[in-house]
Amino acid sequence: PLTKDEEGEDSFGYSLVFEFNENPFFENSIITKSYYYASEVD
């Protein structure tokens, strides 16, 4: 959701959430990667 960051700029974006069953490879059950947009357009 749209919020304000520490500098008062608009902060918003989306997160890609990868959820795994228990496995022999790593300990994590959830890996989250988030992308944030700048307060501008191209």
PDB file of all heavy atoms in Angstrom:
ATOM      1  N   PRO A   1       0.827  -1.220   0.000  1.00  0.00           N
ATOM      2  CA  PRO A   1       0.000   0.000   0.000  1.00  0.00           C
ATOM      3  C   PRO A   1       0.855   1.261   0.000  1.00  0.00           C
ATOM      4  O   PRO A   1       2.014   1.261   0.423  1.00  0.00           O
ATOM      5  CB  PRO A   1      -0.808  -0.124   1.299  1.00  0.00           C
ATOM      6  CG  PRO A   1      -0.724  -1.556   1.697  1.00  0.00           C
ATOM      7  CD  PRO A   1       0.585  -2.053   1.186  1.00  0.00           C
ATOM      8  N   LEU A   2       0.262   2.335  -0.465  1.00  0.00           N
ATOM      9  CA  LEU A   2       0.937   3.631  -0.535  1.00  0.00           C
ATOM     10  C   LEU A   2       1.164   4.188   0.873  1.00  0.00           C
ATOM     11  O   LEU A   2       0.236   4.328   1.668  1.00  0.00           O
ATOM     12  CB  LEU A   2       0.091   4.608  -1.357  1.00  0.00           C
ATOM     13  CG  LEU A   2       0.609   6.041  -1.458  1.00  0.00           C
ATOM     14  CD1 LEU A   2       1.926   6.083  -2.220  1.00  0.00           C
ATOM     15  CD2 LEU A   2      -0.430   6.932  -2.144  1.00  0.00           C
ATOM     16  N   THR A   3       2.443   4.479   1.177  1.00  0.00           N
ATOM     17  CA  THR A   3       2.806   5.118   2.447  1.00  0.00           C
ATOM     18  C   THR A   3       3.862   6.190   2.154  1.00  0.00           C
ATOM     19  O   THR A   3       4.225   6.421   1.006  1.00  0.00           O
ATOM     20  CB  THR A   3       3.389   4.094   3.442  1.00  0.00           C
ATOM     21  OG1 THR A   3       4.518   3.433   2.836  1.00  0.00           O
ATOM     22  CG2 THR A   3       2.348   3.053   3.822  1.00  0.00           C
ATOM     23  N   LYS A   4       4.340   6.826   3.197  1.00  0.00           N
ATOM     24  CA  LYS A   4       5.413   7.811   3.060  1.00  0.00           C
ATOM     25  C   LYS A   4       6.688   7.226   3.688  1.00  0.00           C
ATOM     26  O   LYS A   4       6.647   6.651   4.778  1.00  0.00           O
ATOM     27  CB  LYS A   4       5.042   9.111   3.768  1.00  0.00           C
ATOM     28  CG  LYS A   4       3.856   9.860   3.152  1.00  0.00           C
ATOM     29  CD  LYS A   4       4.220  10.470   1.809  1.00  0.00           C
ATOM     30  CE  LYS A   4       3.042  11.285   1.249  1.00  0.00           C
ATOM     31  NZ  LYS A   4       3.366  11.876  -0.076  1.00  0.00           N
ATOM     32  N   ASP A   5       7.806   7.386   2.987  1.00  0.00           N
ATOM     33  CA  ASP A   5       9.056   6.905   3.558  1.00  0.00           C
ATOM     34  C   ASP A   5       9.654   7.947   4.498  1.00  0.00           C
ATOM     35  O   ASP A   5       9.026   8.976   4.784  1.00  0.00           O
ATOM     36  CB  ASP A   5      10.043   6.529   2.448  1.00  0.00           C
ATOM     37  CG  ASP A   5      10.390   7.706   1.545  1.00  0.00           C
ATOM     38  OD1 ASP A   5      10.168   8.867   1.945  1.00  0.00           O
ATOM     39  OD2 ASP A   5      10.895   7.472   0.420  1.00  0.00           O
ATOM     40  N   GLU A   6      10.877   7.701   4.971  1.00  0.00           N
ATOM     41  CA  GLU A   6      11.513   8.606   5.936  1.00  0.00           C
ATOM     42  C   GLU A   6      11.758   9.995   5.362  1.00  0.00           C
ATOM     43  O   GLU A   6      11.821  10.975   6.109  1.00  0.00           O
ATOM     44  CB  GLU A   6      12.835   7.993   6.403  1.00  0.00           C
ATOM     45  CG  GLU A   6      12.664   6.686   7.166  1.00  0.00           C
ATOM     46  CD  GLU A   6      13.992   6.069   7.536  1.00  0.00           C
ATOM     47  OE1 GLU A   6      15.035   6.617   7.107  1.00  0.00           O
ATOM     48  OE2 GLU A   6      13.997   5.055   8.265  1.00  0.00           O
ATOM     49  N   GLU A   7      11.901  10.084   4.052  1.00  0.00           N
ATOM     50  CA  GLU A   7      12.149  11.377   3.410  1.00  0.00           C
ATOM     51  C   GLU A   7      10.868  12.063   2.966  1.00  0.00           C
ATOM     52  O   GLU A   7      10.913  13.108   2.330  1.00  0.00           O
ATOM     53  CB  GLU A   7      13.069  11.179   2.208  1.00  0.00           C
ATOM     54  CG  GLU A   7      14.440  10.606   2.577  1.00  0.00           C
ATOM     55  CD  GLU A   7      15.285  10.318   1.355  1.00  0.00           C
ATOM     56  OE1 GLU A   7      14.776  10.488   0.232  1.00  0.00           O
ATOM     57  OE2 GLU A   7      16.451   9.924   1.526  1.00  0.00           O
ATOM     58  N   GLY A   8       9.730  11.458   3.294  1.00  0.00           N
ATOM     59  CA  GLY A   8       8.450  12.058   2.932  1.00  0.00           C
ATOM     60  C   GLY A   8       7.997  11.749   1.523  1.00  0.00           C
ATOM     61  O   GLY A   8       6.993  12.287   1.055  1.00  0.00           O
ATOM     62  N   GLU A   9       8.728  10.875   0.832  1.00  0.00           N
ATOM     63  CA  GLU A   9       8.367  10.500  -0.534  1.00  0.00           C
ATOM     64  C   GLU A   9       7.339   9.366  -0.512  1.00  0.00           C
ATOM     65  O   GLU A   9       7.264   8.583   0.434  1.00  0.00           O
ATOM     66  CB  GLU A   9       9.608  10.052  -1.304  1.00  0.00           C
ATOM     67  CG  GLU A   9      10.649  11.135  -1.516  1.00  0.00           C
ATOM     68  CD  GLU A   9      10.234  12.124  -2.586  1.00  0.00           C
ATOM     69  OE1 GLU A   9       9.353  11.771  -3.407  1.00  0.00           O
ATOM     70  OE2 GLU A   9      10.767  13.252  -2.607  1.00  0.00           O
ATOM     71  N   ASP A  10       6.550   9.287  -1.598  1.00  0.00           N
ATOM     72  CA  ASP A  10       5.590   8.195  -1.727  1.00  0.00           C
ATOM     73  C   ASP A  10       6.344   6.869  -1.843  1.00  0.00           C
ATOM     74  O   ASP A  10       7.315   6.756  -2.607  1.00  0.00           O
ATOM     75  CB  ASP A  10       4.718   8.389  -2.970  1.00  0.00           C
ATOM     76  CG  ASP A  10       3.790   9.584  -2.832  1.00  0.00           C
ATOM     77  OD1 ASP A  10       3.193   9.734  -1.757  1.00  0.00           O
ATOM     78  OD2 ASP A  10       3.681  10.370  -3.792  1.00  0.00           O
ATOM     79  N   SER A  11       5.909   5.887  -1.076  1.00  0.00           N
ATOM     80  CA  SER A  11       6.530   4.569  -1.107  1.00  0.00           C
ATOM     81  C   SER A  11       5.447   3.534  -1.381  1.00  0.00           C
ATOM     82  O   SER A  11       4.484   3.419  -0.633  1.00  0.00           O
ATOM     83  CB  SER A  11       7.230   4.267   0.222  1.00  0.00           C
ATOM     84  OG  SER A  11       7.784   2.970   0.216  1.00  0.00           O
ATOM     85  N   PHE A  12       5.603   2.789  -2.472  1.00  0.00           N
ATOM     86  CA  PHE A  12       4.624   1.772  -2.830  1.00  0.00           C
ATOM     87  C   PHE A  12       5.266   0.803  -3.817  1.00  0.00           C
ATOM     88  O   PHE A  12       6.311   1.091  -4.412  1.00  0.00           O
ATOM     89  CB  PHE A  12       3.367   2.394  -3.441  1.00  0.00           C
ATOM     90  CG  PHE A  12       3.603   3.147  -4.728  1.00  0.00           C
ATOM     91  CD1 PHE A  12       3.172   2.627  -5.934  1.00  0.00           C
ATOM     92  CD2 PHE A  12       4.262   4.374  -4.728  1.00  0.00           C
ATOM     93  CE1 PHE A  12       3.391   3.312  -7.115  1.00  0.00           C
ATOM     94  CE2 PHE A  12       4.472   5.069  -5.916  1.00  0.00           C
ATOM     95  CZ  PHE A  12       4.039   4.541  -7.107  1.00  0.00           C
ATOM     96  N   GLY A  13       4.637  -0.361  -3.987  1.00  0.00           N
ATOM     97  CA  GLY A  13       5.197  -1.367  -4.880  1.00  0.00           C
ATOM     98  C   GLY A  13       4.447  -2.677  -4.736  1.00  0.00           C
ATOM     99  O   GLY A  13       3.244  -2.693  -4.484  1.00  0.00           O
ATOM    100  N   TYR A  14       5.175  -3.787  -4.859  1.00  0.00           N
ATOM    101  CA  TYR A  14       4.554  -5.098  -4.704  1.00  0.00           C
ATOM    102  C   TYR A  14       5.603  -6.103  -4.260  1.00  0.00           C
ATOM    103  O   TYR A  14       6.817  -5.897  -4.419  1.00  0.00           O
ATOM    104  CB  TYR A  14       3.898  -5.554  -6.012  1.00  0.00           C
ATOM    105  CG  TYR A  14       4.856  -5.766  -7.165  1.00  0.00           C
ATOM    106  CD1 TYR A  14       5.451  -7.003  -7.401  1.00  0.00           C
ATOM    107  CD2 TYR A  14       5.166  -4.715  -8.027  1.00  0.00           C
ATOM    108  CE1 TYR A  14       6.322  -7.196  -8.449  1.00  0.00           C
ATOM    109  CE2 TYR A  14       6.034  -4.895  -9.092  1.00  0.00           C
ATOM    110  CZ  TYR A  14       6.606  -6.140  -9.302  1.00  0.00           C
ATOM    111  OH  TYR A  14       7.480  -6.320 -10.350  1.00  0.00           O
ATOM    112  N   SER A  15       5.138  -7.204  -3.677  1.00  0.00           N
ATOM    113  CA  SER A  15       6.021  -8.278  -3.213  1.00  0.00           C
ATOM    114  C   SER A  15       5.655  -9.572  -3.916  1.00  0.00           C
ATOM    115  O   SER A  15       4.473  -9.897  -4.066  1.00  0.00           O
ATOM    116  CB  SER A  15       5.900  -8.472  -1.699  1.00  0.00           C
ATOM    117  OG  SER A  15       6.326  -7.326  -0.994  1.00  0.00           O
ATOM    118  N   LEU A  16       6.671 -10.303  -4.345  1.00  0.00           N
ATOM    119  CA  LEU A  16       6.483 -11.659  -4.862  1.00  0.00           C
ATOM    120  C   LEU A  16       6.841 -12.625  -3.741  1.00  0.00           C
ATOM    121  O   LEU A  16       7.970 -12.613  -3.240  1.00  0.00           O
ATOM    122  CB  LEU A  16       7.371 -11.890  -6.081  1.00  0.00           C
ATOM    123  CG  LEU A  16       7.064 -11.018  -7.306  1.00  0.00           C
ATOM    124  CD1 LEU A  16       8.106 -11.257  -8.397  1.00  0.00           C
ATOM    125  CD2 LEU A  16       5.657 -11.288  -7.838  1.00  0.00           C
ATOM    126  N   VAL A  17       5.883 -13.441  -3.345  1.00  0.00           N
ATOM    127  CA  VAL A  17       6.058 -14.332  -2.202  1.00  0.00           C
ATOM    128  C   VAL A  17       6.105 -15.776  -2.688  1.00  0.00           C
ATOM    129  O   VAL A  17       5.150 -16.276  -3.292  1.00  0.00           O
ATOM    130  CB  VAL A  17       4.912 -14.153  -1.184  1.00  0.00           C
ATOM    131  CG1 VAL A  17       5.142 -15.034   0.028  1.00  0.00           C
ATOM    132  CG2 VAL A  17       4.777 -12.686  -0.775  1.00  0.00           C
ATOM    133  N   PHE A  18       7.232 -16.443  -2.419  1.00  0.00           N
ATOM    134  CA  PHE A  18       7.422 -17.847  -2.787  1.00  0.00           C
ATOM    135  C   PHE A  18       7.354 -18.684  -1.511  1.00  0.00           C
ATOM    136  O   PHE A  18       8.175 -18.525  -0.612  1.00  0.00           O
ATOM    137  CB  PHE A  18       8.775 -18.052  -3.468  1.00  0.00           C
ATOM    138  CG  PHE A  18       8.895 -17.393  -4.817  1.00  0.00           C
ATOM    139  CD1 PHE A  18       9.014 -16.010  -4.928  1.00  0.00           C
ATOM    140  CD2 PHE A  18       8.895 -18.154  -5.979  1.00  0.00           C
ATOM    141  CE1 PHE A  18       9.135 -15.403  -6.166  1.00  0.00           C
ATOM    142  CE2 PHE A  18       9.010 -17.553  -7.215  1.00  0.00           C
ATOM    143  CZ  PHE A  18       9.134 -16.171  -7.313  1.00  0.00           C
ATOM    144  N   GLU A  19       6.374 -19.569  -1.450  1.00  0.00           N
ATOM    145  CA  GLU A  19       6.184 -20.400  -0.258  1.00  0.00           C
ATOM    146  C   GLU A  19       6.555 -21.844  -0.569  1.00  0.00           C
ATOM    147  O   GLU A  19       6.083 -22.418  -1.565  1.00  0.00           O
ATOM    148  CB  GLU A  19       4.724 -20.309   0.208  1.00  0.00           C
ATOM    149  CG  GLU A  19       4.469 -20.980   1.535  1.00  0.00           C
ATOM    150  CD  GLU A  19       3.049 -20.753   2.040  1.00  0.00           C
ATOM    151  OE1 GLU A  19       2.316 -19.945   1.429  1.00  0.00           O
ATOM    152  OE2 GLU A  19       2.679 -21.406   3.042  1.00  0.00           O
ATOM    153  N   PHE A  20       7.404 -22.436   0.264  1.00  0.00           N
ATOM    154  CA  PHE A  20       7.916 -23.780   0.029  1.00  0.00           C
ATOM    155  C   PHE A  20       7.466 -24.744   1.129  1.00  0.00           C
ATOM    156  O   PHE A  20       7.310 -24.354   2.288  1.00  0.00           O
ATOM    157  CB  PHE A  20       9.449 -23.775  -0.002  1.00  0.00           C
ATOM    158  CG  PHE A  20      10.032 -23.170  -1.249  1.00  0.00           C
ATOM    159  CD1 PHE A  20      10.174 -21.794  -1.371  1.00  0.00           C
ATOM    160  CD2 PHE A  20      10.437 -23.973  -2.312  1.00  0.00           C
ATOM    161  CE1 PHE A  20      10.713 -21.231  -2.518  1.00  0.00           C
ATOM    162  CE2 PHE A  20      10.976 -23.421  -3.462  1.00  0.00           C
ATOM    163  CZ  PHE A  20      11.117 -22.041  -3.568  1.00  0.00           C
ATOM    164  N   ASN A  21       7.295 -25.991   0.720  1.00  0.00           N
ATOM    165  CA  ASN A  21       7.120 -27.057   1.695  1.00  0.00           C
ATOM    166  C   ASN A  21       8.466 -27.342   2.357  1.00  0.00           C
ATOM    167  O   ASN A  21       9.523 -26.941   1.853  1.00  0.00           O
ATOM    168  CB  ASN A  21       6.609 -28.328   1.020  1.00  0.00           C
ATOM    169  CG  ASN A  21       5.149 -28.222   0.598  1.00  0.00           C
ATOM    170  OD1 ASN A  21       4.291 -27.880   1.399  1.00  0.00           O
ATOM    171  ND2 ASN A  21       4.880 -28.501  -0.673  1.00  0.00           N
ATOM    172  N   GLU A  22       8.453 -28.019   3.474  1.00  0.00           N
ATOM    173  CA  GLU A  22       9.702 -28.415   4.116  1.00  0.00           C
ATOM    174  C   GLU A  22      10.519 -29.249   3.138  1.00  0.00           C
ATOM    175  O   GLU A  22      10.005 -30.154   2.483  1.00  0.00           O
ATOM    176  CB  GLU A  22       9.397 -29.209   5.386  1.00  0.00           C
ATOM    177  CG  GLU A  22      10.633 -29.548   6.190  1.00  0.00           C
ATOM    178  CD  GLU A  22      10.301 -30.261   7.491  1.00  0.00           C
ATOM    179  OE1 GLU A  22       9.101 -30.318   7.847  1.00  0.00           O
ATOM    180  OE2 GLU A  22      11.233 -30.765   8.149  1.00  0.00           O
ATOM    181  N   ASN A  23      11.801 -28.914   3.024  1.00  0.00           N
ATOM    182  CA  ASN A  23      12.624 -29.567   2.005  1.00  0.00           C
ATOM    183  C   ASN A  23      14.053 -29.766   2.512  1.00  0.00           C
ATOM    184  O   ASN A  23      14.459 -29.154   3.499  1.00  0.00           O
ATOM    185  CB  ASN A  23      12.617 -28.725   0.727  1.00  0.00           C
ATOM    186  CG  ASN A  23      13.238 -27.364   0.926  1.00  0.00           C
ATOM    187  OD1 ASN A  23      14.459 -27.223   0.915  1.00  0.00           O
ATOM    188  ND2 ASN A  23      12.400 -26.337   1.146  1.00  0.00           N
ATOM    189  N   PRO A  24      14.838 -30.613   1.828  1.00  0.00           N
ATOM    190  CA  PRO A  24      16.206 -30.892   2.284  1.00  0.00           C
ATOM    191  C   PRO A  24      17.235 -29.862   1.835  1.00  0.00           C
ATOM    192  O   PRO A  24      18.427 -30.035   2.115  1.00  0.00           O
ATOM    193  CB  PRO A  24      16.497 -32.255   1.636  1.00  0.00           C
ATOM    194  CG  PRO A  24      15.674 -32.258   0.392  1.00  0.00           C
ATOM    195  CD  PRO A  24      14.427 -31.490   0.721  1.00  0.00           C
ATOM    196  N   PHE A  25      16.797 -28.786   1.153  1.00  0.00           N
ATOM    197  CA  PHE A  25      17.747 -27.862   0.546  1.00  0.00           C
ATOM    198  C   PHE A  25      18.015 -26.612   1.379  1.00  0.00           C
ATOM    199  O   PHE A  25      19.163 -26.177   1.509  1.00  0.00           O
ATOM    200  CB  PHE A  25      17.250 -27.456  -0.849  1.00  0.00           C
ATOM    201  CG  PHE A  25      17.142 -28.602  -1.796  1.00  0.00           C
ATOM    202  CD1 PHE A  25      15.924 -29.249  -2.006  1.00  0.00           C
ATOM    203  CD2 PHE A  25      18.248 -29.077  -2.476  1.00  0.00           C
ATOM    204  CE1 PHE A  25      15.817 -30.313  -2.874  1.00  0.00           C
ATOM    205  CE2 PHE A  25      18.160 -30.139  -3.358  1.00  0.00           C
ATOM    206  CZ  PHE A  25      16.937 -30.769  -3.547  1.00  0.00           C
ATOM    207  N   PHE A  26      16.974 -25.974   1.921  1.00  0.00           N
ATOM    208  CA  PHE A  26      17.168 -24.768   2.725  1.00  0.00           C
ATOM    209  C   PHE A  26      16.154 -24.706   3.857  1.00  0.00           C
ATOM    210  O   PHE A  26      15.162 -25.447   3.874  1.00  0.00           O
ATOM    211  CB  PHE A  26      17.112 -23.498   1.870  1.00  0.00           C
ATOM    212  CG  PHE A  26      15.887 -23.379   0.991  1.00  0.00           C
ATOM    213  CD1 PHE A  26      14.658 -23.018   1.510  1.00  0.00           C
ATOM    214  CD2 PHE A  26      15.973 -23.614  -0.373  1.00  0.00           C
ATOM    215  CE1 PHE A  26      13.539 -22.886   0.704  1.00  0.00           C
ATOM    216  CE2 PHE A  26      14.863 -23.491  -1.199  1.00  0.00           C
ATOM    217  CZ  PHE A  26      13.647 -23.134  -0.655  1.00  0.00           C
ATOM    218  N   GLU A  27      16.429 -23.795   4.785  1.00  0.00           N
ATOM    219  CA  GLU A  27      15.612 -23.700   5.999  1.00  0.00           C
ATOM    220  C   GLU A  27      14.357 -22.849   5.807  1.00  0.00           C
ATOM    221  O   GLU A  27      13.348 -23.060   6.489  1.00  0.00           O
ATOM    222  CB  GLU A  27      16.453 -23.099   7.143  1.00  0.00           C
ATOM    223  CG  GLU A  27      17.721 -23.881   7.474  1.00  0.00           C
ATOM    224  CD  GLU A  27      17.434 -25.224   8.128  1.00  0.00           C
ATOM    225  OE1 GLU A  27      16.270 -25.464   8.518  1.00  0.00           O
ATOM    226  OE2 GLU A  27      18.368 -26.032   8.251  1.00  0.00           O
ATOM    227  N   ASN A  28      14.418 -21.872   4.897  1.00  0.00           N
ATOM    228  CA  ASN A  28      13.305 -20.931   4.734  1.00  0.00           C
ATOM    229  C   ASN A  28      12.029 -21.646   4.310  1.00  0.00           C
ATOM    230  O   ASN A  28      12.062 -22.580   3.509  1.00  0.00           O
ATOM    231  CB  ASN A  28      13.637 -19.871   3.674  1.00  0.00           C
ATOM    232  CG  ASN A  28      15.014 -19.276   3.835  1.00  0.00           C
ATOM    233  OD1 ASN A  28      16.011 -19.992   3.876  1.00  0.00           O
ATOM    234  ND2 ASN A  28      15.081 -17.954   3.883  1.00  0.00           N
ATOM    235  N   SER A  29      10.913 -21.173   4.817  1.00  0.00           N
ATOM    236  CA  SER A  29       9.623 -21.658   4.319  1.00  0.00           C
ATOM    237  C   SER A  29       9.023 -20.632   3.357  1.00  0.00           C
ATOM    238  O   SER A  29       8.235 -20.993   2.472  1.00  0.00           O
ATOM    239  CB  SER A  29       8.659 -21.922   5.467  1.00  0.00           C
ATOM    240  OG  SER A  29       8.431 -20.735   6.221  1.00  0.00           O
ATOM    241  N   ILE A  30       9.411 -19.363   3.522  1.00  0.00           N
ATOM    242  CA  ILE A  30       8.923 -18.289   2.655  1.00  0.00           C
ATOM    243  C   ILE A  30      10.094 -17.406   2.226  1.00  0.00           C
ATOM    244  O   ILE A  30      10.928 -17.021   3.039  1.00  0.00           O
ATOM    245  CB  ILE A  30       7.855 -17.433   3.368  1.00  0.00           C
ATOM    246  CG1 ILE A  30       6.576 -18.248   3.604  1.00  0.00           C
ATOM    247  CG2 ILE A  30       7.532 -16.184   2.557  1.00  0.00           C
ATOM    248  CD1 ILE A  30       5.481 -17.500   4.335  1.00  0.00           C
ATOM    249  N   ILE A  31      10.147 -17.099   0.928  1.00  0.00           N
ATOM    250  CA  ILE A  31      11.136 -16.156   0.386  1.00  0.00           C
ATOM    251  C   ILE A  31      10.352 -15.018  -0.262  1.00  0.00           C
ATOM    252  O   ILE A  31       9.538 -15.249  -1.164  1.00  0.00           O
ATOM    253  CB  ILE A  31      12.051 -16.824  -0.658  1.00  0.00           C
ATOM    254  CG1 ILE A  31      12.680 -18.095  -0.083  1.00  0.00           C
ATOM    255  CG2 ILE A  31      13.127 -15.853  -1.122  1.00  0.00           C
ATOM    256  CD1 ILE A  31      13.440 -18.909  -1.123  1.00  0.00           C
ATOM    257  N   THR A  32      10.588 -13.818   0.211  1.00  0.00           N
ATOM    258  CA  THR A  32       9.847 -12.652  -0.286  1.00  0.00           C
ATOM    259  C   THR A  32      10.794 -11.658  -0.947  1.00  0.00           C
ATOM    260  O   THR A  32      11.791 -11.251  -0.356  1.00  0.00           O
ATOM    261  CB  THR A  32       9.101 -11.946   0.864  1.00  0.00           C
ATOM    262  OG1 THR A  32       8.222 -12.881   1.502  1.00  0.00           O
ATOM    263  CG2 THR A  32       8.286 -10.771   0.332  1.00  0.00           C
ATOM    264  N   LYS A  33      10.462 -11.293  -2.166  1.00  0.00           N
ATOM    265  CA  LYS A  33      11.231 -10.285  -2.889  1.00  0.00           C
ATOM    266  C   LYS A  33      10.297  -9.131  -3.239  1.00  0.00           C
ATOM    267  O   LYS A  33       9.261  -9.337  -3.885  1.00  0.00           O
ATOM    268  CB  LYS A  33      11.843 -10.869  -4.160  1.00  0.00           C
ATOM    269  CG  LYS A  33      12.797  -9.912  -4.870  1.00  0.00           C
ATOM    270  CD  LYS A  33      13.505 -10.596  -6.029  1.00  0.00           C
ATOM    271  CE  LYS A  33      14.513  -9.659  -6.661  1.00  0.00           C
ATOM    272  NZ  LYS A  33      15.209 -10.296  -7.815  1.00  0.00           N
ATOM    273  N   SER A  34      10.657  -7.932  -2.801  1.00  0.00           N
ATOM    274  CA  SER A  34       9.786  -6.762  -2.963  1.00  0.00           C
ATOM    275  C   SER A  34      10.384  -5.773  -3.959  1.00  0.00           C
ATOM    276  O   SER A  34      11.600  -5.603  -4.029  1.00  0.00           O
ATOM    277  CB  SER A  34       9.563  -6.061  -1.624  1.00  0.00           C
ATOM    278  OG  SER A  34       8.944  -6.942  -0.698  1.00  0.00           O
ATOM    279  N   TYR A  35       9.499  -5.132  -4.700  1.00  0.00           N
ATOM    280  CA  TYR A  35       9.881  -4.117  -5.689  1.00  0.00           C
ATOM    281  C   TYR A  35       9.191  -2.807  -5.338  1.00  0.00           C
ATOM    282  O   TYR A  35       7.971  -2.775  -5.129  1.00  0.00           O
ATOM    283  CB  TYR A  35       9.474  -4.559  -7.095  1.00  0.00           C
ATOM    284  CG  TYR A  35      10.269  -5.732  -7.610  1.00  0.00           C
ATOM    285  CD1 TYR A  35       9.922  -7.035  -7.251  1.00  0.00           C
ATOM    286  CD2 TYR A  35      11.370  -5.549  -8.433  1.00  0.00           C
ATOM    287  CE1 TYR A  35      10.653  -8.120  -7.702  1.00  0.00           C
ATOM    288  CE2 TYR A  35      12.108  -6.627  -8.900  1.00  0.00           C
ATOM    289  CZ  TYR A  35      11.744  -7.910  -8.536  1.00  0.00           C
ATOM    290  OH  TYR A  35      12.473  -8.982  -8.985  1.00  0.00           O
ATOM    291  N   TYR A  36       9.978  -1.734  -5.292  1.00  0.00           N
ATOM    292  CA  TYR A  36       9.443  -0.419  -4.955  1.00  0.00           C
ATOM    293  C   TYR A  36       9.594   0.525  -6.146  1.00  0.00           C
ATOM    294  O   TYR A  36      10.596   0.483  -6.869  1.00  0.00           O
ATOM    295  CB  TYR A  36      10.166   0.154  -3.736  1.00  0.00           C
ATOM    296  CG  TYR A  36       9.855  -0.582  -2.454  1.00  0.00           C
ATOM    297  CD1 TYR A  36      10.589  -1.702  -2.078  1.00  0.00           C
ATOM    298  CD2 TYR A  36       8.807  -0.172  -1.629  1.00  0.00           C
ATOM    299  CE1 TYR A  36      10.296  -2.403  -0.909  1.00  0.00           C
ATOM    300  CE2 TYR A  36       8.507  -0.859  -0.462  1.00  0.00           C
ATOM    301  CZ  TYR A  36       9.252  -1.971  -0.109  1.00  0.00           C
ATOM    302  OH  TYR A  36       8.956  -2.658   1.044  1.00  0.00           O
ATOM    303  N   TYR A  37       8.568   1.363  -6.300  1.00  0.00           N
ATOM    304  CA  TYR A  37       8.561   2.329  -7.397  1.00  0.00           C
ATOM    305  C   TYR A  37       9.059   3.689  -6.934  1.00  0.00           C
ATOM    306  O   TYR A  37       8.903   4.057  -5.762  1.00  0.00           O
ATOM    307  CB  TYR A  37       7.149   2.494  -7.966  1.00  0.00           C
ATOM    308  CG  TYR A  37       6.581   1.253  -8.613  1.00  0.00           C
ATOM    309  CD1 TYR A  37       5.436   0.649  -8.107  1.00  0.00           C
ATOM    310  CD2 TYR A  37       7.171   0.705  -9.746  1.00  0.00           C
ATOM    311  CE1 TYR A  37       4.899  -0.482  -8.712  1.00  0.00           C
ATOM    312  CE2 TYR A  37       6.642  -0.428 -10.357  1.00  0.00           C
ATOM    313  CZ  TYR A  37       5.501  -1.017  -9.836  1.00  0.00           C
ATOM    314  OH  TYR A  37       4.981  -2.126 -10.429  1.00  0.00           O
ATOM    315  N   ALA A  38       9.625   4.436  -7.869  1.00  0.00           N
ATOM    316  CA  ALA A  38      10.040   5.812  -7.599  1.00  0.00           C
ATOM    317  C   ALA A  38       8.826   6.740  -7.713  1.00  0.00           C
ATOM    318  O   ALA A  38       7.797   6.383  -8.302  1.00  0.00           O
ATOM    319  CB  ALA A  38      11.119   6.235  -8.588  1.00  0.00           C
ATOM    320  N   SER A  39       8.951   7.925  -7.145  1.00  0.00           N
ATOM    321  CA  SER A  39       7.853   8.905  -7.185  1.00  0.00           C
ATOM    322  C   SER A  39       7.931   9.712  -8.477  1.00  0.00           C
ATOM    323  O   SER A  39       7.997  10.946  -8.468  1.00  0.00           O
ATOM    324  CB  SER A  39       7.923   9.832  -5.969  1.00  0.00           C
ATOM    325  OG  SER A  39       7.799   9.112  -4.777  1.00  0.00           O
ATOM    326  N   GLU A  40       7.941   9.009  -9.588  1.00  0.00           N
ATOM    327  CA  GLU A  40       8.049   9.661 -10.888  1.00  0.00           C
ATOM    328  C   GLU A  40       7.561   8.700 -11.955  1.00  0.00           C
ATOM    329  O   GLU A  40       7.333   7.520 -11.683  1.00  0.00           O
ATOM    330  CB  GLU A  40       9.504  10.050 -11.170  1.00  0.00           C
ATOM    331  CG  GLU A  40      10.452   8.869 -11.140  1.00  0.00           C
ATOM    332  CD  GLU A  40      11.902   9.267 -11.270  1.00  0.00           C
ATOM    333  OE1 GLU A  40      12.330  10.172 -10.539  1.00  0.00           O
ATOM    334  OE2 GLU A  40      12.600   8.665 -12.091  1.00  0.00           O
ATOM    335  N   VAL A  41       7.392   9.206 -13.146  1.00  0.00           N
ATOM    336  CA  VAL A  41       7.017   8.368 -14.281  1.00  0.00           C
ATOM    337  C   VAL A  41       8.083   8.498 -15.361  1.00  0.00           C
ATOM    338  O   VAL A  41       8.854   9.466 -15.376  1.00  0.00           O
ATOM    339  CB  VAL A  41       5.635   8.757 -14.851  1.00  0.00           C
ATOM    340  CG1 VAL A  41       4.538   8.393 -13.884  1.00  0.00           C
ATOM    341  CG2 VAL A  41       5.578  10.252 -15.208  1.00  0.00           C
ATOM    342  N   ASP A  42       8.116   7.520 -16.255  1.00  0.00           N
ATOM    343  CA  ASP A  42       9.084   7.581 -17.337  1.00  0.00           C
ATOM    344  C   ASP A  42       8.523   8.388 -18.499  1.00  0.00           C
ATOM    345  O   ASP A  42       7.450   8.992 -18.398  1.00  0.00           O
ATOM    346  CB  ASP A  42       9.499   6.174 -17.775  1.00  0.00           C
ATOM    347  CG  ASP A  42       8.322   5.346 -18.300  1.00  0.00           C
ATOM    348  OD1 ASP A  42       7.270   5.939 -18.626  1.00  0.00           O
ATOM    349  OD2 ASP A  42       8.446   4.121 -18.380  1.00  0.00           O
TER     350      ASP A  42
END
